[in-house]
Each structure stands twice: as structure tokens, then as C-alpha cells.
PDB file of all heavy atoms in Angstrom:
ATOM      1  N   ASN A   1       0.820  -1.208   0.000  1.00  0.00           N
ATOM      2  CA  ASN A   1       0.000   0.000   0.000  1.00  0.00           C
ATOM      3  C   ASN A   1       0.854   1.258   0.000  1.00  0.00           C
ATOM      4  O   ASN A   1       1.989   1.267   0.472  1.00  0.00           O
ATOM      5  CB  ASN A   1      -0.930   0.011   1.207  1.00  0.00           C
ATOM      6  CG  ASN A   1      -2.068  -0.968   1.064  1.00  0.00           C
ATOM      7  OD1 ASN A   1      -2.381  -1.411  -0.038  1.00  0.00           O
ATOM      8  ND2 ASN A   1      -2.691  -1.321   2.163  1.00  0.00           N
ATOM      9  N   LYS A   2       0.261   2.329  -0.519  1.00  0.00           N
ATOM     10  CA  LYS A   2       0.861   3.657  -0.527  1.00  0.00           C
ATOM     11  C   LYS A   2      -0.201   4.598   0.032  1.00  0.00           C
ATOM     12  O   LYS A   2      -1.348   4.560  -0.397  1.00  0.00           O
ATOM     13  CB  LYS A   2       1.234   4.047  -1.961  1.00  0.00           C
ATOM     14  CG  LYS A   2       1.884   5.401  -2.093  1.00  0.00           C
ATOM     15  CD  LYS A   2       2.210   5.723  -3.540  1.00  0.00           C
ATOM     16  CE  LYS A   2       3.505   5.151  -3.974  1.00  0.00           C
ATOM     17  NZ  LYS A   2       4.692   5.826  -3.532  1.00  0.00           N
ATOM     18  N   ALA A   3       0.174   5.416   1.030  1.00  0.00           N
ATOM     19  CA  ALA A   3      -0.763   6.363   1.648  1.00  0.00           C
ATOM     20  C   ALA A   3      -0.309   7.782   1.359  1.00  0.00           C
ATOM     21  O   ALA A   3       0.885   8.083   1.380  1.00  0.00           O
ATOM     22  CB  ALA A   3      -0.814   6.139   3.161  1.00  0.00           C
ATOM     23  N   GLY A   4      -1.271   8.652   1.082  1.00  0.00           N
ATOM     24  CA  GLY A   4      -0.982  10.069   0.872  1.00  0.00           C
ATOM     25  C   GLY A   4      -1.665  10.876   1.950  1.00  0.00           C
ATOM     26  O   GLY A   4      -2.836  10.645   2.267  1.00  0.00           O
ATOM     27  N   LEU A   5      -0.939  11.818   2.564  1.00  0.00           N
ATOM     28  CA  LEU A   5      -1.534  12.618   3.617  1.00  0.00           C
ATOM     29  C   LEU A   5      -0.884  13.987   3.720  1.00  0.00           C
ATOM     30  O   LEU A   5       0.178  14.240   3.160  1.00  0.00           O
ATOM     31  CB  LEU A   5      -1.476  11.896   4.960  1.00  0.00           C
ATOM     32  CG  LEU A   5      -0.129  11.420   5.461  1.00  0.00           C
ATOM     33  CD1 LEU A   5      -0.127  11.418   6.973  1.00  0.00           C
ATOM     34  CD2 LEU A   5       0.115  10.004   4.974  1.00  0.00           C
ATOM     35  N   LYS A   6      -1.583  14.850   4.434  1.00  0.00           N
ATOM     36  CA  LYS A   6      -1.120  16.214   4.664  1.00  0.00           C
ATOM     37  C   LYS A   6      -1.252  16.507   6.149  1.00  0.00           C
ATOM     38  O   LYS A   6      -2.276  16.200   6.762  1.00  0.00           O
ATOM     39  CB  LYS A   6      -1.978  17.192   3.867  1.00  0.00           C
ATOM     40  CG  LYS A   6      -1.595  18.641   4.035  1.00  0.00           C
ATOM     41  CD  LYS A   6      -2.481  19.526   3.157  1.00  0.00           C
ATOM     42  CE  LYS A   6      -2.075  20.973   3.234  1.00  0.00           C
ATOM     43  NZ  LYS A   6      -2.883  21.796   2.320  1.00  0.00           N
ATOM     44  N   LEU A   7      -0.206  17.113   6.725  1.00  0.00           N
ATOM     45  CA  LEU A   7      -0.202  17.514   8.135  1.00  0.00           C
ATOM     46  C   LEU A   7       0.140  18.997   8.204  1.00  0.00           C
ATOM     47  O   LEU A   7       1.019  19.464   7.475  1.00  0.00           O
ATOM     48  CB  LEU A   7       0.853  16.723   8.907  1.00  0.00           C
ATOM     49  CG  LEU A   7       0.662  15.222   8.933  1.00  0.00           C
ATOM     50  CD1 LEU A   7       1.980  14.508   8.707  1.00  0.00           C
ATOM     51  CD2 LEU A   7       0.073  14.821  10.249  1.00  0.00           C
ATOM     52  N   THR A   8      -0.546  19.729   9.072  1.00  0.00           N
ATOM     53  CA  THR A   8      -0.245  21.153   9.249  1.00  0.00           C
ATOM     54  C   THR A   8      -0.242  21.504  10.733  1.00  0.00           C
ATOM     55  O   THR A   8      -0.965  20.911  11.534  1.00  0.00           O
ATOM     56  CB  THR A   8      -1.274  22.065   8.541  1.00  0.00           C
ATOM     57  OG1 THR A   8      -2.573  21.792   9.056  1.00  0.00           O
ATOM     58  CG2 THR A   8      -1.264  21.872   7.036  1.00  0.00           C
ATOM     59  N   SER A   9       0.592  22.482  11.067  1.00  0.00           N
ATOM     60  CA  SER A   9       0.636  23.003  12.426  1.00  0.00           C
ATOM     61  C   SER A   9       1.229  24.399  12.382  1.00  0.00           C
ATOM     62  O   SER A   9       1.775  24.823  11.363  1.00  0.00           O
ATOM     63  CB  SER A   9       1.475  22.109  13.340  1.00  0.00           C
ATOM     64  OG  SER A   9       1.304  22.502  14.692  1.00  0.00           O
ATOM     65  N   THR A  10       1.118  25.093  13.488  1.00  0.00           N
ATOM     66  CA  THR A  10       1.717  26.424  13.631  1.00  0.00           C
ATOM     67  C   THR A  10       2.608  26.407  14.856  1.00  0.00           C
ATOM     68  O   THR A  10       2.197  25.939  15.914  1.00  0.00           O
ATOM     69  CB  THR A  10       0.624  27.505  13.776  1.00  0.00           C
ATOM     70  OG1 THR A  10      -0.205  27.468  12.609  1.00  0.00           O
ATOM     71  CG2 THR A  10       1.237  28.880  13.922  1.00  0.00           C
ATOM     72  N   ILE A  11       3.829  26.900  14.683  1.00  0.00           N
ATOM     73  CA  ILE A  11       4.725  27.007  15.829  1.00  0.00           C
ATOM     74  C   ILE A  11       4.973  28.477  16.137  1.00  0.00           C
ATOM     75  O   ILE A  11       4.896  29.333  15.257  1.00  0.00           O
ATOM     76  CB  ILE A  11       6.067  26.273  15.603  1.00  0.00           C
ATOM     77  CG1 ILE A  11       6.871  26.922  14.481  1.00  0.00           C
ATOM     78  CG2 ILE A  11       5.867  24.805  15.345  1.00  0.00           C
ATOM     79  CD1 ILE A  11       8.325  26.542  14.494  1.00  0.00           C
ATOM     80  N   LYS A  12       5.239  28.750  17.377  1.00  0.00           N
ATOM     81  CA  LYS A  12       5.638  30.088  17.830  1.00  0.00           C
ATOM     82  C   LYS A  12       7.163  30.124  17.757  1.00  0.00           C
ATOM     83  O   LYS A  12       7.842  29.524  18.589  1.00  0.00           O
ATOM     84  CB  LYS A  12       5.163  30.342  19.265  1.00  0.00           C
ATOM     85  CG  LYS A  12       3.682  30.175  19.472  1.00  0.00           C
ATOM     86  CD  LYS A  12       2.948  31.348  18.934  1.00  0.00           C
ATOM     87  CE  LYS A  12       1.463  31.248  19.269  1.00  0.00           C
ATOM     88  NZ  LYS A  12       0.681  32.197  18.500  1.00  0.00           N
ATOM     89  N   ARG A  13       7.707  30.802  16.763  1.00  0.00           N
ATOM     90  CA  ARG A  13       9.146  30.727  16.495  1.00  0.00           C
ATOM     91  C   ARG A  13      10.001  31.195  17.665  1.00  0.00           C
ATOM     92  O   ARG A  13      11.067  30.644  17.915  1.00  0.00           O
ATOM     93  CB  ARG A  13       9.509  31.477  15.222  1.00  0.00           C
ATOM     94  CG  ARG A  13       9.346  32.962  15.306  1.00  0.00           C
ATOM     95  CD  ARG A  13       9.902  33.692  14.090  1.00  0.00           C
ATOM     96  NE  ARG A  13       9.597  35.096  14.210  1.00  0.00           N
ATOM     97  CZ  ARG A  13      10.298  35.951  14.948  1.00  0.00           C
ATOM     98  NH1 ARG A  13      11.340  35.543  15.614  1.00  0.00           N
ATOM     99  NH2 ARG A  13       9.939  37.214  15.029  1.00  0.00           N
ATOM    100  N   GLU A  14       9.549  32.195  18.417  1.00  0.00           N
ATOM    101  CA  GLU A  14      10.360  32.715  19.516  1.00  0.00           C
ATOM    102  C   GLU A  14      10.476  31.708  20.674  1.00  0.00           C
ATOM    103  O   GLU A  14      11.431  31.761  21.432  1.00  0.00           O
ATOM    104  CB  GLU A  14       9.829  34.060  19.991  1.00  0.00           C
ATOM    105  CG  GLU A  14      10.069  35.164  18.958  1.00  0.00           C
ATOM    106  CD  GLU A  14       9.654  36.537  19.445  1.00  0.00           C
ATOM    107  OE1 GLU A  14       8.646  36.648  20.172  1.00  0.00           O
ATOM    108  OE2 GLU A  14      10.358  37.490  19.094  1.00  0.00           O
ATOM    109  N   GLU A  15       9.523  30.778  20.783  1.00  0.00           N
ATOM    110  CA  GLU A  15       9.618  29.735  21.805  1.00  0.00           C
ATOM    111  C   GLU A  15      10.799  28.805  21.550  1.00  0.00           C
ATOM    112  O   GLU A  15      11.251  28.094  22.438  1.00  0.00           O
ATOM    113  CB  GLU A  15       8.321  28.914  21.862  1.00  0.00           C
ATOM    114  CG  GLU A  15       7.143  29.685  22.415  1.00  0.00           C
ATOM    115  CD  GLU A  15       5.880  28.846  22.481  1.00  0.00           C
ATOM    116  OE1 GLU A  15       5.895  27.651  22.084  1.00  0.00           O
ATOM    117  OE2 GLU A  15       4.853  29.383  22.934  1.00  0.00           O
ATOM    118  N   PHE A  16      11.303  28.806  20.311  1.00  0.00           N
ATOM    119  CA  PHE A  16      12.438  27.970  19.931  1.00  0.00           C
ATOM    120  C   PHE A  16      13.696  28.809  19.663  1.00  0.00           C
ATOM    121  O   PHE A  16      14.635  28.338  19.042  1.00  0.00           O
ATOM    122  CB  PHE A  16      12.084  27.145  18.690  1.00  0.00           C
ATOM    123  CG  PHE A  16      10.948  26.185  18.920  1.00  0.00           C
ATOM    124  CD1 PHE A  16       9.641  26.537  18.612  1.00  0.00           C
ATOM    125  CD2 PHE A  16      11.181  24.938  19.469  1.00  0.00           C
ATOM    126  CE1 PHE A  16       8.592  25.662  18.826  1.00  0.00           C
ATOM    127  CE2 PHE A  16      10.142  24.048  19.694  1.00  0.00           C
ATOM    128  CZ  PHE A  16       8.845  24.415  19.378  1.00  0.00           C
ATOM    129  N   ASN A  17      13.675  30.057  20.140  1.00  0.00           N
ATOM    130  CA  ASN A  17      14.796  30.994  19.936  1.00  0.00           C
ATOM    131  C   ASN A  17      15.146  31.158  18.460  1.00  0.00           C
ATOM    132  O   ASN A  17      16.312  31.254  18.094  1.00  0.00           O
ATOM    133  CB  ASN A  17      16.037  30.570  20.737  1.00  0.00           C
ATOM    134  CG  ASN A  17      15.828  30.751  22.217  1.00  0.00           C
ATOM    135  OD1 ASN A  17      15.094  31.636  22.656  1.00  0.00           O
ATOM    136  ND2 ASN A  17      16.458  29.904  23.006  1.00  0.00           N
ATOM    137  N   LEU A  18      14.134  31.206  17.616  1.00  0.00           N
ATOM    138  CA  LEU A  18      14.322  31.422  16.188  1.00  0.00           C
ATOM    139  C   LEU A  18      14.071  32.901  15.892  1.00  0.00           C
ATOM    140  O   LEU A  18      12.931  33.353  15.869  1.00  0.00           O
ATOM    141  CB  LEU A  18      13.360  30.557  15.369  1.00  0.00           C
ATOM    142  CG  LEU A  18      13.481  29.044  15.560  1.00  0.00           C
ATOM    143  CD1 LEU A  18      12.371  28.323  14.828  1.00  0.00           C
ATOM    144  CD2 LEU A  18      14.842  28.557  15.108  1.00  0.00           C
ATOM    145  N   GLY A  19      15.150  33.651  15.704  1.00  0.00           N
ATOM    146  CA  GLY A  19      15.004  35.075  15.399  1.00  0.00           C
ATOM    147  C   GLY A  19      14.348  35.848  16.517  1.00  0.00           C
ATOM    148  O   GLY A  19      13.575  36.760  16.276  1.00  0.00           O
ATOM    149  N   LYS A  20      14.672  35.505  17.744  1.00  0.00           N
ATOM    150  CA  LYS A  20      14.055  36.153  18.904  1.00  0.00           C
ATOM    151  C   LYS A  20      14.277  37.660  18.854  1.00  0.00           C
ATOM    152  O   LYS A  20      15.386  38.133  18.650  1.00  0.00           O
ATOM    153  CB  LYS A  20      14.626  35.567  20.188  1.00  0.00           C
ATOM    154  CG  LYS A  20      13.727  35.815  21.371  1.00  0.00           C
ATOM    155  CD  LYS A  20      13.981  34.812  22.465  1.00  0.00           C
ATOM    156  CE  LYS A  20      12.948  35.048  23.525  1.00  0.00           C
ATOM    157  NZ  LYS A  20      12.494  33.880  24.156  1.00  0.00           N
ATOM    158  N   GLY A  21      13.184  38.413  18.994  1.00  0.00           N
ATOM    159  CA  GLY A  21      13.249  39.868  19.019  1.00  0.00           C
ATOM    160  C   GLY A  21      13.317  40.519  17.643  1.00  0.00           C
ATOM    161  O   GLY A  21      13.445  41.731  17.547  1.00  0.00           O
ATOM    162  N   MET A  22      13.233  39.742  16.585  1.00  0.00           N
ATOM    163  CA  MET A  22      13.265  40.309  15.232  1.00  0.00           C
ATOM    164  C   MET A  22      11.837  40.627  14.813  1.00  0.00           C
ATOM    165  O   MET A  22      11.121  39.794  14.284  1.00  0.00           O
ATOM    166  CB  MET A  22      13.948  39.343  14.272  1.00  0.00           C
ATOM    167  CG  MET A  22      15.408  39.146  14.587  1.00  0.00           C
ATOM    168  SD  MET A  22      16.197  38.128  13.344  1.00  0.00           S
ATOM    169  CE  MET A  22      17.846  38.016  14.035  1.00  0.00           C
ATOM    170  N   SER A  23      11.425  41.856  15.035  1.00  0.00           N
ATOM    171  CA  SER A  23      10.029  42.252  14.866  1.00  0.00           C
ATOM    172  C   SER A  23       9.496  42.228  13.437  1.00  0.00           C
ATOM    173  O   SER A  23       8.294  42.069  13.267  1.00  0.00           O
ATOM    174  CB  SER A  23       9.797  43.632  15.481  1.00  0.00           C
ATOM    175  OG  SER A  23      10.619  44.587  14.863  1.00  0.00           O
ATOM    176  N   PRO A  24      10.303  42.374  12.384  1.00  0.00           N
ATOM    177  CA  PRO A  24       9.693  42.308  11.050  1.00  0.00           C
ATOM    178  C   PRO A  24       9.144  40.925  10.699  1.00  0.00           C
ATOM    179  O   PRO A  24       8.325  40.783   9.809  1.00  0.00           O
ATOM    180  CB  PRO A  24      10.842  42.661  10.095  1.00  0.00           C
ATOM    181  CG  PRO A  24      11.885  43.299  10.923  1.00  0.00           C
ATOM    182  CD  PRO A  24      11.714  42.763  12.306  1.00  0.00           C
ATOM    183  N   ILE A  25       9.606  39.915  11.434  1.00  0.00           N
ATOM    184  CA  ILE A  25       9.206  38.539  11.143  1.00  0.00           C
ATOM    185  C   ILE A  25       8.014  38.171  12.024  1.00  0.00           C
ATOM    186  O   ILE A  25       8.026  38.408  13.228  1.00  0.00           O
ATOM    187  CB  ILE A  25      10.368  37.561  11.424  1.00  0.00           C
ATOM    188  CG1 ILE A  25      11.618  37.978  10.652  1.00  0.00           C
ATOM    189  CG2 ILE A  25       9.971  36.141  11.060  1.00  0.00           C
ATOM    190  CD1 ILE A  25      12.861  37.264  11.108  1.00  0.00           C
TER     191      ILE A  25
END
């Protein structure tokens, strides 16, 4: 068998120290 699927989510980037304090993003 072959399965096709889609998963979506939203992360809060600053919770992961991704560009913390960079307000244009």
C-alpha cells in the first residue's frame, strides 16, 4: 500500500529561539 496525507501546524518561532526579538518577522 501507498498512503498520501497532509499535516499542518503552527509554531511560535520565539519559543524555539528562532530570530528572537526580530520584529519584522
